[in-house]
Amino acid sequence: MELYTRYIYEKTWSKTTKEQALRIIQEEMPQTDAEATLKYILEQLQKGKAITLGECRFRIVSSEGSLA
């Protein structure tokens, strides 16, 4: 499972590390616990959902290599 992000004004998805995702969450929602928010996002992505947090969208790549 690989995590990808895309800001709403961007056209392409970017591969994102856990550390980068935590930084994005902290920037978009500084009042929240970034670790807990990332855990929730990953749980929802496992269900096939795309998550939008502020201006950033999160997705995972399935094992076939396509965006889930």
C-alpha atoms as a PDB file:
ATOM      1  CA  MET A   1       0.000   0.000   0.000  1.00  0.00           C
ATOM      2  CA  GLU A   2       1.386   3.363  -1.040  1.00  0.00           C
ATOM      3  CA  LEU A   3      -0.045   6.671   0.085  1.00  0.00           C
ATOM      4  CA  TYR A   4      -0.576   9.449  -2.468  1.00  0.00           C
ATOM      5  CA  THR A   5      -1.691  13.045  -1.982  1.00  0.00           C
ATOM      6  CA  ARG A   6      -2.910  15.816  -4.235  1.00  0.00           C
ATOM      7  CA  TYR A   7      -3.854  19.373  -3.389  1.00  0.00           C
ATOM      8  CA  ILE A   8      -7.124  20.496  -4.951  1.00  0.00           C
ATOM      9  CA  TYR A   9      -5.309  22.884  -7.297  1.00  0.00           C
ATOM     10  CA  GLU A  10      -2.934  20.158  -8.589  1.00  0.00           C
ATOM     11  CA  LYS A  11      -3.524  17.757 -11.474  1.00  0.00           C
ATOM     12  CA  THR A  12      -1.241  14.871 -10.469  1.00  0.00           C
ATOM     13  CA  TRP A  13      -0.983  12.627  -7.417  1.00  0.00           C
ATOM     14  CA  SER A  14       2.319  12.575  -5.492  1.00  0.00           C
ATOM     15  CA  LYS A  15       3.707   9.615  -3.580  1.00  0.00           C
ATOM     16  CA  THR A  16       3.786  10.598   0.085  1.00  0.00           C
ATOM     17  CA  THR A  17       5.674   9.232   3.084  1.00  0.00           C
ATOM     18  CA  LYS A  18       4.184   8.951   6.564  1.00  0.00           C
ATOM     19  CA  GLU A  19       6.298  11.903   7.708  1.00  0.00           C
ATOM     20  CA  GLN A  20       5.103  14.053   4.807  1.00  0.00           C
ATOM     21  CA  ALA A  21       1.489  13.072   5.503  1.00  0.00           C
ATOM     22  CA  LEU A  22       1.863  14.048   9.162  1.00  0.00           C
ATOM     23  CA  ARG A  23       3.285  17.437   8.123  1.00  0.00           C
ATOM     24  CA  ILE A  24       0.386  17.987   5.687  1.00  0.00           C
ATOM     25  CA  ILE A  25      -2.158  17.110   8.381  1.00  0.00           C
ATOM     26  CA  GLN A  26      -0.441  19.462  10.843  1.00  0.00           C
ATOM     27  CA  GLU A  27      -0.536  22.286   8.265  1.00  0.00           C
ATOM     28  CA  GLU A  28      -4.152  21.695   7.219  1.00  0.00           C
ATOM     29  CA  MET A  29      -5.593  21.057  10.692  1.00  0.00           C
ATOM     30  CA  PRO A  30      -3.168  22.275  13.390  1.00  0.00           C
ATOM     31  CA  GLN A  31      -5.735  21.840  16.163  1.00  0.00           C
ATOM     32  CA  THR A  32      -5.934  18.044  15.698  1.00  0.00           C
ATOM     33  CA  ASP A  33      -3.718  15.157  16.769  1.00  0.00           C
ATOM     34  CA  ALA A  34      -1.841  14.429  13.525  1.00  0.00           C
ATOM     35  CA  GLU A  35      -1.040  10.791  14.421  1.00  0.00           C
ATOM     36  CA  ALA A  36      -4.671   9.956  15.233  1.00  0.00           C
ATOM     37  CA  THR A  37      -5.898  11.767  12.127  1.00  0.00           C
ATOM     38  CA  LEU A  38      -3.456   9.845   9.913  1.00  0.00           C
ATOM     39  CA  LYS A  39      -4.577   6.584  11.496  1.00  0.00           C
ATOM     40  CA  TYR A  40      -8.218   7.451  10.714  1.00  0.00           C
ATOM     41  CA  ILE A  41      -7.346   8.472   7.142  1.00  0.00           C
ATOM     42  CA  LEU A  42      -5.482   5.198   6.533  1.00  0.00           C
ATOM     43  CA  GLU A  43      -8.412   3.176   7.937  1.00  0.00           C
ATOM     44  CA  GLN A  44     -10.832   4.928   5.594  1.00  0.00           C
ATOM     45  CA  LEU A  45      -8.501   4.543   2.619  1.00  0.00           C
ATOM     46  CA  GLN A  46      -8.416   0.793   3.262  1.00  0.00           C
ATOM     47  CA  LYS A  47     -12.182   0.835   2.682  1.00  0.00           C
ATOM     48  CA  GLY A  48     -11.636   2.333  -0.779  1.00  0.00           C
ATOM     49  CA  LYS A  49     -12.498   5.907   0.096  1.00  0.00           C
ATOM     50  CA  ALA A  50     -10.645   9.083  -0.876  1.00  0.00           C
ATOM     51  CA  ILE A  51     -10.272  11.522   1.995  1.00  0.00           C
ATOM     52  CA  THR A  52     -10.098  15.300   1.684  1.00  0.00           C
ATOM     53  CA  LEU A  53      -8.530  17.250   4.531  1.00  0.00           C
ATOM     54  CA  GLY A  54      -8.566  20.980   3.981  1.00  0.00           C
ATOM     55  CA  GLU A  55      -7.146  21.443   0.482  1.00  0.00           C
ATOM     56  CA  CYS A  56      -5.388  18.067   0.306  1.00  0.00           C
ATOM     57  CA  ARG A  57      -6.782  14.719  -0.870  1.00  0.00           C
ATOM     58  CA  PHE A  58      -5.409  11.358   0.230  1.00  0.00           C
ATOM     59  CA  ARG A  59      -5.562   8.071  -1.711  1.00  0.00           C
ATOM     60  CA  ILE A  60      -3.794   4.728  -1.706  1.00  0.00           C
ATOM     61  CA  VAL A  61      -2.546   2.677  -4.616  1.00  0.00           C
ATOM     62  CA  SER A  62      -3.933  -0.826  -4.820  1.00  0.00           C
ATOM     63  CA  SER A  63      -1.733  -3.869  -5.342  1.00  0.00           C
ATOM     64  CA  GLU A  64      -2.477  -3.742  -9.088  1.00  0.00           C
ATOM     65  CA  GLY A  65      -0.794  -0.336  -9.271  1.00  0.00           C
ATOM     66  CA  SER A  66      -3.882   1.759  -9.931  1.00  0.00           C
ATOM     67  CA  LEU A  67      -5.247   4.460  -7.693  1.00  0.00           C
ATOM     68  CA  ALA A  68      -7.843   3.033  -5.349  1.00  0.00           C
END
